[in-house]
Amino acid sequence: MDSAASPSLDVATPERVSLSLPVAGIGYRCLAYLVDLCLLFLFWVVAYFTFTLLVSDVLGFFEGLSGFTQTLMVVGVFATQWVYWTLAEVLMGGQTPGKRLVGIRVVRVDGSPVGVLESAVRNLVRVVDAIPVFYAVGILSVLLTRRHQRLGDLLAGTLLVREERIDLDKYTAPAAELSAMPAPVRSVRLATEDQELILSFLTRAPGLEPAARMRLGTKLVERYGGLDEAERAAVLASPAAIEAFLRARVQTER
């Protein structure tokens, strides 16, 4: 959908593990937007037919309103869309239903989760990105900027990244080690960025120096394991056991 040479967002985590997040290009953005637009259209269709049950002549009702009230209603239509995108991104961790379906997410330019202010700004500027028609300004901005950002992203300090699925089966430890390992803790949920950090380590672990591989794995187990001393000793017995435990820890969130 996007070029294989698409840019990426490189983030240095506190554990000194390099996390590379591929930036979503215009193809992903358009698909997500169309899905969300369809959902908004369905909402307005349902709202219209519900309103016709109360008012038989909808057009006559609208024409009978004052110019100020008509303006407020038009502004209300835009406000509904703004609330939809902003509320969804805040409550769904940087995603809307459309973004989740195509596997992209809004983040800050430093890779951290998007906040209320950033989401509100980027979605408020949609009215500028949409002019003159068919998001012409926004499309040009996405095509011309290095990280595929529209004006709303540039002003809010955000961008869209792709969520890549990683095959975790190759990180399975031998059966004997798995049977001796404690079950991952489920009481504490992992945030999305924590899961991505663990997956990034698992991806890069085979290429690390043995000492660095053991040291980084140990830090992640201590941070996300929630284990007592005996369980910790069993998990830290070998790099394979560490990585199998971390793999299981991520899978409990899915």
Protein backbone atom coordinates (compact mmCIF):
# COMPACT_ATOMS: atom_id res chain seq x y z
CA MET A 1 0.00 0.00 0.00
CA ASP A 2 2.87 2.35 0.86
CA SER A 3 6.40 2.20 -0.40
CA ALA A 4 8.75 -0.28 1.21
CA ALA A 5 11.16 2.60 1.72
CA SER A 6 8.66 4.57 3.81
CA PRO A 7 10.14 6.60 6.68
CA SER A 8 10.15 5.44 10.27
CA LEU A 9 10.08 7.02 13.71
CA ASP A 10 13.11 5.98 15.78
CA VAL A 11 12.57 6.09 19.55
CA ALA A 12 15.19 5.52 22.24
CA THR A 13 13.55 3.89 25.26
CA PRO A 14 14.75 4.27 28.87
CA GLU A 15 16.12 0.72 28.61
CA ARG A 16 18.28 1.85 25.65
CA VAL A 17 16.43 -0.40 23.23
CA SER A 18 15.96 1.23 19.83
CA LEU A 19 12.32 1.10 18.76
CA SER A 20 11.57 1.80 15.10
CA LEU A 21 7.96 2.60 14.21
CA PRO A 22 7.11 2.70 10.46
CA VAL A 23 5.26 5.88 9.48
CA ALA A 24 1.86 5.42 7.82
CA GLY A 25 1.63 6.83 4.31
CA ILE A 26 -1.29 8.28 2.41
CA GLY A 27 -2.75 4.90 1.43
CA TYR A 28 -3.26 3.79 5.04
CA ARG A 29 -4.57 7.21 6.02
CA CYS A 30 -7.13 7.29 3.20
CA LEU A 31 -8.48 3.83 4.00
CA ALA A 32 -8.85 4.68 7.70
CA TYR A 33 -10.55 7.98 6.84
CA LEU A 34 -13.04 6.29 4.49
CA VAL A 35 -14.00 3.76 7.19
CA ASP A 36 -14.54 6.52 9.74
CA LEU A 37 -16.44 8.60 7.18
CA CYS A 38 -18.79 5.67 6.53
CA LEU A 39 -19.45 5.32 10.26
CA LEU A 40 -20.20 9.04 10.53
CA PHE A 41 -22.50 8.81 7.49
CA LEU A 42 -24.41 5.92 9.08
CA PHE A 43 -24.75 7.97 12.26
CA TRP A 44 -26.29 10.89 10.37
CA VAL A 45 -28.62 8.59 8.40
CA VAL A 46 -29.92 7.11 11.64
CA ALA A 47 -30.18 10.60 13.17
CA TYR A 48 -32.10 11.88 10.13
CA PHE A 49 -34.67 9.09 10.11
CA THR A 50 -35.08 9.40 13.86
CA PHE A 51 -35.72 13.13 13.43
CA THR A 52 -38.32 12.47 10.69
CA LEU A 53 -40.32 10.51 13.25
CA LEU A 54 -40.65 13.73 15.25
CA VAL A 55 -40.86 16.27 12.41
CA SER A 56 -42.62 15.32 9.18
CA ASP A 57 -41.30 18.22 7.05
CA VAL A 58 -37.57 18.33 7.82
CA LEU A 59 -36.70 20.79 5.02
CA GLY A 60 -39.51 23.16 5.99
CA PHE A 61 -38.45 22.96 9.63
CA PHE A 62 -34.87 23.91 8.72
CA GLU A 63 -35.98 26.78 6.46
CA GLY A 64 -38.19 28.10 9.23
CA LEU A 65 -35.24 28.56 11.57
CA SER A 66 -33.40 31.84 11.90
CA GLY A 67 -30.13 32.32 10.05
CA PHE A 68 -28.22 32.20 13.33
CA THR A 69 -29.83 28.91 14.32
CA GLN A 70 -29.14 27.43 10.90
CA THR A 71 -25.49 28.43 11.28
CA LEU A 72 -25.36 26.80 14.70
CA MET A 73 -26.72 23.57 13.23
CA VAL A 74 -24.08 23.55 10.48
CA VAL A 75 -21.37 24.18 13.07
CA GLY A 76 -22.88 21.38 15.14
CA VAL A 77 -22.41 18.94 12.25
CA PHE A 78 -18.69 19.79 12.13
CA ALA A 79 -18.45 19.65 15.93
CA THR A 80 -19.89 16.14 15.90
CA GLN A 81 -17.13 14.98 13.55
CA TRP A 82 -14.48 16.74 15.65
CA VAL A 83 -15.78 15.09 18.82
CA TYR A 84 -15.88 11.68 17.09
CA TRP A 85 -12.23 11.75 15.98
CA THR A 86 -10.90 13.38 19.13
CA LEU A 87 -12.82 11.23 21.60
CA ALA A 88 -11.98 8.02 19.74
CA GLU A 89 -8.25 8.81 19.58
CA VAL A 90 -8.13 9.67 23.28
CA LEU A 91 -10.14 6.66 24.48
CA MET A 92 -8.67 4.13 22.01
CA GLY A 93 -5.01 5.00 22.50
CA GLY A 94 -4.51 7.08 19.35
CA GLN A 95 -6.89 5.12 17.15
CA THR A 96 -10.36 5.46 15.66
CA PRO A 97 -12.35 2.44 14.42
CA GLY A 98 -10.95 3.12 10.94
CA LYS A 99 -7.36 3.41 12.16
CA ARG A 100 -7.69 0.24 14.20
CA LEU A 101 -9.07 -1.66 11.22
CA VAL A 102 -6.10 -0.76 8.97
CA GLY A 103 -3.52 -0.98 11.79
CA ILE A 104 -2.32 2.59 12.28
CA ARG A 105 -2.10 4.82 15.35
CA VAL A 106 -1.58 8.51 16.16
CA VAL A 107 1.43 9.23 18.38
CA ARG A 108 3.44 12.28 19.35
CA VAL A 109 6.59 12.97 17.35
CA ASP A 110 8.67 11.49 20.19
CA GLY A 111 6.70 8.23 20.01
CA SER A 112 4.73 8.77 23.22
CA PRO A 113 0.93 8.33 23.36
CA VAL A 114 -1.18 11.18 21.99
CA GLY A 115 -2.96 13.34 24.56
CA VAL A 116 -6.25 15.25 24.61
CA LEU A 117 -4.66 18.54 23.51
CA GLU A 118 -2.75 17.05 20.56
CA SER A 119 -5.78 15.10 19.36
CA ALA A 120 -8.07 18.12 19.72
CA VAL A 121 -5.70 20.36 17.73
CA ARG A 122 -5.00 17.90 14.90
CA ASN A 123 -8.71 17.22 14.40
CA LEU A 124 -9.73 20.89 14.67
CA VAL A 125 -7.36 21.70 11.79
CA ARG A 126 -9.20 19.17 9.58
CA VAL A 127 -11.32 22.09 8.40
CA VAL A 128 -8.18 23.65 6.90
CA ASP A 129 -6.79 20.36 5.56
CA ALA A 130 -10.10 19.74 3.78
CA ILE A 131 -10.05 22.91 1.65
CA PRO A 132 -10.76 23.59 -1.12
CA VAL A 133 -12.23 20.11 -1.75
CA PHE A 134 -11.39 16.44 -1.08
CA TYR A 135 -8.73 17.24 1.54
CA ALA A 136 -6.54 18.86 -1.12
CA VAL A 137 -4.40 20.80 1.36
CA GLY A 138 -4.03 17.80 3.67
CA ILE A 139 -3.10 15.45 0.82
CA LEU A 140 -0.45 17.85 -0.47
CA SER A 141 0.97 18.21 3.03
CA VAL A 142 1.13 14.41 3.48
CA LEU A 143 2.85 13.96 0.12
CA LEU A 144 5.38 16.76 0.63
CA THR A 145 6.42 16.22 4.26
CA ARG A 146 9.10 13.70 5.21
CA ARG A 147 6.94 11.96 7.81
CA HIS A 148 3.67 12.14 5.85
CA GLN A 149 2.05 14.71 8.16
CA ARG A 150 -0.94 16.85 7.28
CA LEU A 151 -1.21 20.40 8.64
CA GLY A 152 -3.07 19.19 11.72
CA ASP A 153 -0.22 16.83 12.56
CA LEU A 154 2.41 19.52 12.04
CA LEU A 155 0.62 21.94 14.38
CA ALA A 156 -0.17 19.30 17.02
CA GLY A 157 3.24 17.61 16.90
CA THR A 158 1.81 14.22 15.93
CA LEU A 159 2.16 11.61 13.20
CA LEU A 160 0.64 8.27 12.24
CA VAL A 161 2.59 5.03 12.58
CA ARG A 162 1.83 1.52 11.42
CA GLU A 163 1.40 -1.32 13.88
CA GLU A 164 3.32 -4.33 12.61
CA ARG A 165 2.45 -7.78 13.86
CA ILE A 166 5.43 -9.84 14.98
CA ASP A 167 5.51 -13.65 14.91
CA LEU A 168 6.34 -14.58 18.51
CA ASP A 169 6.46 -18.36 18.01
CA LYS A 170 10.19 -18.29 17.23
CA TYR A 171 10.91 -17.01 20.74
CA THR A 172 9.52 -20.11 22.44
CA ALA A 173 11.85 -21.71 24.99
CA PRO A 174 12.42 -25.49 25.20
CA ALA A 175 9.54 -27.43 26.77
CA ALA A 176 11.51 -28.21 29.93
CA GLU A 177 12.17 -24.53 30.56
CA LEU A 178 8.59 -23.55 29.81
CA SER A 179 7.17 -26.03 32.30
CA ALA A 180 9.43 -24.64 35.04
CA MET A 181 8.56 -21.00 34.41
CA PRO A 182 5.91 -19.13 36.43
CA ALA A 183 2.81 -17.89 34.68
CA PRO A 184 2.91 -14.23 33.63
CA VAL A 185 1.14 -11.77 35.90
CA ARG A 186 -2.24 -10.69 34.51
CA SER A 187 -3.27 -8.24 37.22
CA VAL A 188 -1.17 -5.38 35.79
CA ARG A 189 -1.95 -4.45 32.20
CA LEU A 190 0.80 -3.53 29.76
CA ALA A 191 0.38 -0.25 27.92
CA THR A 192 0.74 -0.30 24.14
CA GLU A 193 4.18 1.30 24.29
CA ASP A 194 5.29 -1.33 26.86
CA GLN A 195 4.20 -4.13 24.53
CA GLU A 196 6.04 -2.50 21.63
CA LEU A 197 9.17 -2.18 23.78
CA ILE A 198 9.11 -5.89 24.64
CA LEU A 199 8.44 -6.88 21.04
CA SER A 200 11.28 -4.66 19.85
CA PHE A 201 13.66 -6.37 22.27
CA LEU A 202 12.49 -9.85 21.19
CA THR A 203 13.04 -8.91 17.55
CA ARG A 204 16.58 -7.64 18.15
CA ALA A 205 17.68 -10.10 20.85
CA PRO A 206 19.26 -12.70 18.50
CA GLY A 207 21.61 -10.03 17.10
CA LEU A 208 22.74 -8.61 20.45
CA GLU A 209 25.92 -9.45 22.31
CA PRO A 210 25.23 -12.19 24.91
CA ALA A 211 25.94 -9.87 27.86
CA ALA A 212 23.73 -7.09 26.46
CA ARG A 213 21.01 -9.60 25.60
CA MET A 214 20.99 -10.93 29.16
CA ARG A 215 21.18 -7.48 30.74
CA LEU A 216 18.32 -5.99 28.72
CA GLY A 217 16.16 -9.09 29.15
CA THR A 218 16.72 -8.99 32.90
CA LYS A 219 15.67 -5.32 33.08
CA LEU A 220 12.46 -6.05 31.19
CA VAL A 221 11.62 -9.01 33.44
CA GLU A 222 12.23 -6.92 36.54
CA ARG A 223 10.08 -4.10 35.18
CA TYR A 224 7.15 -6.08 33.83
CA GLY A 225 7.40 -9.50 35.48
CA GLY A 226 5.82 -8.95 38.90
CA LEU A 227 7.64 -12.04 40.22
CA ASP A 228 8.85 -13.08 43.64
CA GLU A 229 12.48 -14.09 44.22
CA ALA A 230 12.03 -17.80 43.43
CA GLU A 231 10.05 -17.13 40.26
CA ARG A 232 12.51 -14.45 39.17
CA ALA A 233 15.43 -16.88 39.57
CA ALA A 234 13.66 -19.45 37.40
CA VAL A 235 12.95 -16.94 34.62
CA LEU A 236 16.47 -15.48 34.67
CA ALA A 237 18.11 -18.90 34.31
CA SER A 238 18.88 -18.32 30.63
CA PRO A 239 18.23 -15.86 27.78
CA ALA A 240 15.82 -18.35 26.20
CA ALA A 241 13.77 -18.55 29.39
CA ILE A 242 13.74 -14.76 29.70
CA GLU A 243 12.54 -14.27 26.15
CA ALA A 244 9.92 -17.02 26.44
CA PHE A 245 8.56 -15.38 29.58
CA LEU A 246 8.44 -11.95 27.91
CA ARG A 247 6.72 -13.49 24.89
CA ALA A 248 4.08 -15.03 27.18
CA ARG A 249 3.76 -11.72 29.03
CA VAL A 250 2.82 -9.91 25.82
CA GLN A 251 0.45 -12.69 24.73
CA THR A 252 -1.58 -12.30 27.93
CA GLU A 253 -2.55 -8.83 26.65
CA ARG A 254 -3.86 -10.11 23.30
